[in-house]
């Protein structure tokens, strides 16, 4: 039975480019390649949204848009009640143009 311990060494190749775009003067640099490593700073502002959260956000946006449409119909089109405005929206009646 053989037991071996290996050290994990991280490094990346850093190269310059000549006029034609070929890699020259390549050097192995210890550490992680910054061009392919995601840092905590990169993660700031990125938010995971679950399907349930997305559904709730879409529902909220829809409700706000519906309320705005009801309000517009009641005041601009002089519709007497919310129920009448909702009925017009659901039946596809376009808003009146003044």
N, C-alpha and C. Protein backbone atom coordinates (compact mmCIF):
# COMPACT_ATOMS: atom_id res chain seq x y z
N UNK A 1 0.84 -1.16 0.00
CA UNK A 1 0.00 0.00 0.00
C UNK A 1 0.90 1.24 0.00
N UNK A 2 0.58 2.14 -0.90
CA UNK A 2 1.38 3.36 -1.02
C UNK A 2 0.52 4.56 -0.71
N UNK A 3 1.03 5.41 0.12
CA UNK A 3 0.33 6.66 0.43
C UNK A 3 1.20 7.79 -0.09
N UNK A 4 0.56 8.64 -0.87
CA UNK A 4 1.32 9.78 -1.39
C UNK A 4 0.56 11.06 -1.09
N UNK A 5 1.32 12.05 -0.76
CA UNK A 5 0.75 13.37 -0.50
C UNK A 5 1.29 14.31 -1.56
N UNK A 6 0.38 14.99 -2.21
CA UNK A 6 0.81 15.94 -3.23
C UNK A 6 0.37 17.33 -2.87
N UNK A 7 1.17 18.26 -3.18
CA UNK A 7 0.83 19.66 -2.94
C UNK A 7 0.12 20.20 -4.17
N UNK A 8 -1.00 20.81 -3.94
CA UNK A 8 -1.73 21.40 -5.04
C UNK A 8 -1.14 22.77 -5.33
N UNK A 9 -0.66 22.94 -6.53
CA UNK A 9 -0.01 24.19 -6.90
C UNK A 9 -0.84 24.89 -7.97
N UNK A 10 -1.24 26.08 -7.70
CA UNK A 10 -2.01 26.84 -8.68
C UNK A 10 -1.11 27.88 -9.31
N UNK A 11 -1.15 27.90 -10.63
CA UNK A 11 -0.41 28.91 -11.36
C UNK A 11 -1.06 29.07 -12.73
N UNK A 12 -0.70 30.14 -13.40
CA UNK A 12 -1.24 30.35 -14.75
C UNK A 12 -0.13 30.91 -15.62
N UNK A 13 -0.36 30.83 -16.92
CA UNK A 13 0.62 31.27 -17.89
C UNK A 13 0.29 32.70 -18.31
N UNK A 14 1.25 33.60 -18.16
CA UNK A 14 1.06 34.99 -18.57
C UNK A 14 2.00 35.26 -19.74
N UNK A 15 1.44 35.76 -20.84
CA UNK A 15 2.22 35.95 -22.06
C UNK A 15 2.04 37.36 -22.62
N UNK A 16 3.02 37.80 -23.36
CA UNK A 16 2.91 39.02 -24.15
C UNK A 16 2.53 38.60 -25.56
N UNK A 17 2.09 39.57 -26.36
CA UNK A 17 1.75 39.26 -27.75
C UNK A 17 2.63 40.08 -28.68
N UNK A 18 3.00 39.45 -29.80
CA UNK A 18 3.75 40.20 -30.80
C UNK A 18 2.75 40.91 -31.72
N UNK A 19 3.24 41.57 -32.75
CA UNK A 19 2.40 42.36 -33.66
C UNK A 19 1.35 41.52 -34.37
N UNK A 20 1.65 40.23 -34.59
CA UNK A 20 0.71 39.36 -35.29
C UNK A 20 -0.24 38.65 -34.34
N UNK A 21 -0.15 38.91 -33.04
CA UNK A 21 -1.05 38.29 -32.08
C UNK A 21 -0.58 36.97 -31.52
N UNK A 22 0.66 36.59 -31.79
CA UNK A 22 1.20 35.34 -31.26
C UNK A 22 1.74 35.56 -29.84
N UNK A 23 1.61 34.55 -29.00
CA UNK A 23 2.10 34.64 -27.63
C UNK A 23 3.61 34.53 -27.59
N UNK A 24 4.24 35.47 -26.86
CA UNK A 24 5.69 35.44 -26.68
C UNK A 24 6.01 35.76 -25.23
N UNK A 25 7.20 35.48 -24.82
CA UNK A 25 7.67 35.77 -23.46
C UNK A 25 6.72 35.23 -22.39
N UNK A 26 6.33 33.98 -22.53
CA UNK A 26 5.39 33.38 -21.57
C UNK A 26 6.11 33.04 -20.26
N UNK A 27 5.44 33.33 -19.15
CA UNK A 27 5.99 33.07 -17.83
C UNK A 27 4.90 32.44 -16.97
N UNK A 28 5.27 31.40 -16.20
CA UNK A 28 4.31 30.78 -15.29
C UNK A 28 4.27 31.61 -14.02
N UNK A 29 3.06 32.09 -13.66
CA UNK A 29 2.88 32.97 -12.51
C UNK A 29 2.09 32.20 -11.44
N UNK A 30 2.59 32.19 -10.19
CA UNK A 30 1.85 31.49 -9.15
C UNK A 30 0.54 32.19 -8.80
N UNK A 31 -0.46 31.42 -8.41
CA UNK A 31 -1.76 31.98 -8.04
C UNK A 31 -2.80 31.70 -9.10
N UNK A 32 -3.96 32.25 -8.89
CA UNK A 32 -5.07 32.04 -9.83
C UNK A 32 -5.06 33.10 -10.92
N UNK A 33 -5.47 32.70 -12.11
CA UNK A 33 -5.54 33.63 -13.24
C UNK A 33 -6.66 34.63 -12.99
N UNK A 34 -6.35 35.92 -12.86
CA UNK A 34 -7.38 36.90 -12.57
C UNK A 34 -8.42 37.05 -13.68
N UNK A 35 -8.07 36.69 -14.90
CA UNK A 35 -9.01 36.83 -16.00
C UNK A 35 -10.11 35.78 -15.97
N UNK A 36 -9.90 34.69 -15.23
CA UNK A 36 -10.93 33.64 -15.16
C UNK A 36 -11.37 33.34 -13.73
N UNK A 37 -10.97 34.17 -12.79
CA UNK A 37 -11.31 33.96 -11.39
C UNK A 37 -12.37 34.98 -10.96
N UNK A 38 -13.46 34.48 -10.40
CA UNK A 38 -14.52 35.36 -9.91
C UNK A 38 -14.19 35.72 -8.47
N UNK A 39 -14.16 37.01 -8.22
CA UNK A 39 -13.85 37.48 -6.86
C UNK A 39 -15.14 37.90 -6.16
N UNK A 40 -15.02 38.18 -4.88
CA UNK A 40 -16.18 38.67 -4.12
C UNK A 40 -16.66 39.99 -4.70
N UNK A 41 -15.73 40.81 -5.16
CA UNK A 41 -16.08 42.10 -5.77
C UNK A 41 -16.93 41.89 -7.02
N UNK A 42 -16.60 40.85 -7.82
CA UNK A 42 -17.38 40.54 -9.01
C UNK A 42 -18.80 40.13 -8.65
N UNK A 43 -18.96 39.48 -7.50
CA UNK A 43 -20.25 38.96 -7.10
C UNK A 43 -21.19 40.03 -6.56
N UNK A 44 -20.66 41.19 -6.20
CA UNK A 44 -21.52 42.27 -5.68
C UNK A 44 -22.50 42.69 -6.76
N UNK A 45 -23.73 42.85 -6.38
CA UNK A 45 -24.75 43.28 -7.33
C UNK A 45 -25.42 42.13 -8.05
N UNK A 46 -24.84 40.94 -8.01
CA UNK A 46 -25.46 39.78 -8.65
C UNK A 46 -26.40 39.13 -7.65
N UNK A 47 -27.63 38.94 -8.05
CA UNK A 47 -28.62 38.39 -7.14
C UNK A 47 -29.28 37.20 -7.79
N UNK A 48 -29.38 36.11 -7.04
CA UNK A 48 -30.11 34.94 -7.53
C UNK A 48 -31.58 35.12 -7.18
N UNK A 49 -32.43 34.95 -8.17
CA UNK A 49 -33.87 35.06 -7.95
C UNK A 49 -34.47 33.69 -8.18
N UNK A 50 -35.12 33.17 -7.16
CA UNK A 50 -35.77 31.86 -7.28
C UNK A 50 -37.01 31.99 -8.15
N UNK A 51 -37.49 30.89 -8.71
CA UNK A 51 -38.71 30.95 -9.53
C UNK A 51 -39.90 31.53 -8.75
N UNK A 52 -40.00 31.22 -7.46
CA UNK A 52 -41.09 31.75 -6.65
C UNK A 52 -40.96 33.27 -6.48
N UNK A 53 -39.73 33.76 -6.25
CA UNK A 53 -39.52 35.20 -6.15
C UNK A 53 -39.85 35.89 -7.47
N UNK A 54 -39.45 35.27 -8.59
CA UNK A 54 -39.72 35.83 -9.92
C UNK A 54 -41.23 35.92 -10.14
N UNK A 55 -41.96 34.86 -9.76
CA UNK A 55 -43.41 34.84 -9.92
C UNK A 55 -44.04 35.97 -9.10
N UNK A 56 -43.58 36.15 -7.86
CA UNK A 56 -44.13 37.20 -7.00
C UNK A 56 -43.82 38.59 -7.57
N UNK A 57 -42.60 38.78 -8.10
CA UNK A 57 -42.24 40.07 -8.69
C UNK A 57 -43.10 40.36 -9.92
N UNK A 58 -43.29 39.34 -10.78
CA UNK A 58 -44.12 39.51 -11.97
C UNK A 58 -45.57 39.82 -11.58
N UNK A 59 -46.06 39.14 -10.54
CA UNK A 59 -47.42 39.38 -10.06
C UNK A 59 -47.58 40.81 -9.54
N UNK A 60 -46.59 41.29 -8.80
CA UNK A 60 -46.63 42.66 -8.28
C UNK A 60 -46.62 43.68 -9.42
N UNK A 61 -45.78 43.45 -10.42
CA UNK A 61 -45.71 44.35 -11.58
C UNK A 61 -47.05 44.36 -12.31
N UNK A 62 -47.65 43.16 -12.47
CA UNK A 62 -48.94 43.06 -13.15
C UNK A 62 -50.02 43.82 -12.37
N UNK A 63 -50.06 43.63 -11.04
CA UNK A 63 -51.07 44.30 -10.22
C UNK A 63 -50.93 45.82 -10.28
N UNK A 64 -49.68 46.31 -10.26
CA UNK A 64 -49.46 47.76 -10.36
C UNK A 64 -49.92 48.29 -11.72
N UNK A 65 -49.62 47.56 -12.79
CA UNK A 65 -50.04 47.98 -14.12
C UNK A 65 -51.56 47.96 -14.24
N UNK A 66 -52.19 46.94 -13.65
CA UNK A 66 -53.65 46.85 -13.68
C UNK A 66 -54.28 48.02 -12.92
N UNK A 67 -53.75 48.33 -11.75
CA UNK A 67 -54.26 49.47 -10.97
C UNK A 67 -54.11 50.77 -11.74
N UNK A 68 -52.97 50.94 -12.41
CA UNK A 68 -52.75 52.16 -13.21
C UNK A 68 -53.76 52.24 -14.35
N UNK A 69 -54.04 51.11 -14.98
CA UNK A 69 -55.00 51.08 -16.09
C UNK A 69 -56.41 51.37 -15.59
N UNK A 70 -56.79 50.79 -14.45
CA UNK A 70 -58.11 51.05 -13.87
C UNK A 70 -58.26 52.53 -13.55
N UNK A 71 -57.23 53.11 -12.91
CA UNK A 71 -57.27 54.53 -12.57
C UNK A 71 -57.39 55.39 -13.81
N UNK A 72 -56.61 55.07 -14.85
CA UNK A 72 -56.66 55.83 -16.09
C UNK A 72 -58.04 55.77 -16.72
N UNK A 73 -58.64 54.61 -16.74
CA UNK A 73 -59.98 54.48 -17.33
C UNK A 73 -61.03 55.22 -16.51
N UNK A 74 -60.89 55.18 -15.19
CA UNK A 74 -61.90 55.85 -14.35
C UNK A 74 -61.83 57.37 -14.52
N UNK A 75 -60.63 57.93 -14.63
CA UNK A 75 -60.50 59.38 -14.70
C UNK A 75 -60.48 59.92 -16.13
N UNK A 76 -59.77 59.24 -17.03
CA UNK A 76 -59.69 59.74 -18.41
C UNK A 76 -60.94 59.39 -19.21
N UNK A 77 -61.43 58.16 -19.05
CA UNK A 77 -62.59 57.71 -19.83
C UNK A 77 -63.91 57.97 -19.10
N UNK A 78 -63.82 58.47 -17.88
CA UNK A 78 -65.00 58.77 -17.07
C UNK A 78 -65.87 57.54 -16.85
N UNK A 79 -65.20 56.40 -16.59
CA UNK A 79 -65.91 55.17 -16.25
C UNK A 79 -66.35 55.31 -14.80
N UNK A 80 -67.59 54.94 -14.50
CA UNK A 80 -68.18 55.21 -13.19
C UNK A 80 -67.60 54.36 -12.06
N UNK A 81 -67.32 53.08 -12.31
CA UNK A 81 -66.89 52.20 -11.22
C UNK A 81 -65.66 51.39 -11.60
N UNK A 82 -65.00 50.87 -10.56
CA UNK A 82 -63.84 49.99 -10.80
C UNK A 82 -64.28 48.74 -11.57
N UNK A 83 -65.42 48.21 -11.19
CA UNK A 83 -65.92 46.99 -11.83
C UNK A 83 -66.14 47.20 -13.33
N UNK A 84 -66.67 48.37 -13.68
CA UNK A 84 -66.88 48.68 -15.09
C UNK A 84 -65.54 48.82 -15.82
N UNK A 85 -64.58 49.45 -15.16
CA UNK A 85 -63.24 49.59 -15.76
C UNK A 85 -62.60 48.22 -15.96
N UNK A 86 -62.71 47.34 -14.96
CA UNK A 86 -62.15 45.98 -15.07
C UNK A 86 -62.84 45.22 -16.18
N UNK A 87 -64.17 45.34 -16.27
CA UNK A 87 -64.93 44.65 -17.33
C UNK A 87 -64.45 45.12 -18.70
N UNK A 88 -64.23 46.44 -18.87
CA UNK A 88 -63.74 46.97 -20.15
C UNK A 88 -62.35 46.43 -20.48
N UNK A 89 -61.49 46.37 -19.45
CA UNK A 89 -60.12 45.86 -19.65
C UNK A 89 -60.16 44.40 -20.09
N UNK A 90 -60.94 43.57 -19.37
CA UNK A 90 -61.02 42.15 -19.67
C UNK A 90 -61.68 41.87 -21.02
N UNK A 91 -62.60 42.72 -21.43
CA UNK A 91 -63.27 42.49 -22.71
C UNK A 91 -62.49 43.08 -23.88
N UNK A 92 -61.39 43.79 -23.58
CA UNK A 92 -60.53 44.33 -24.65
C UNK A 92 -60.99 45.63 -25.23
N UNK A 93 -61.87 46.34 -24.54
CA UNK A 93 -62.33 47.64 -25.03
C UNK A 93 -61.16 48.62 -24.94
N UNK A 94 -60.81 49.26 -26.07
CA UNK A 94 -59.69 50.22 -26.02
C UNK A 94 -60.08 51.47 -25.26
N UNK A 95 -59.07 52.16 -24.73
CA UNK A 95 -59.33 53.43 -24.05
C UNK A 95 -59.81 54.46 -25.04
N UNK A 96 -60.64 55.36 -24.58
CA UNK A 96 -61.13 56.43 -25.44
C UNK A 96 -60.03 57.45 -25.66
N UNK A 97 -59.95 57.98 -26.85
CA UNK A 97 -58.94 59.00 -27.16
C UNK A 97 -59.64 60.35 -27.11
N UNK A 98 -59.09 61.25 -26.31
CA UNK A 98 -59.71 62.58 -26.17
C UNK A 98 -59.02 63.57 -27.06
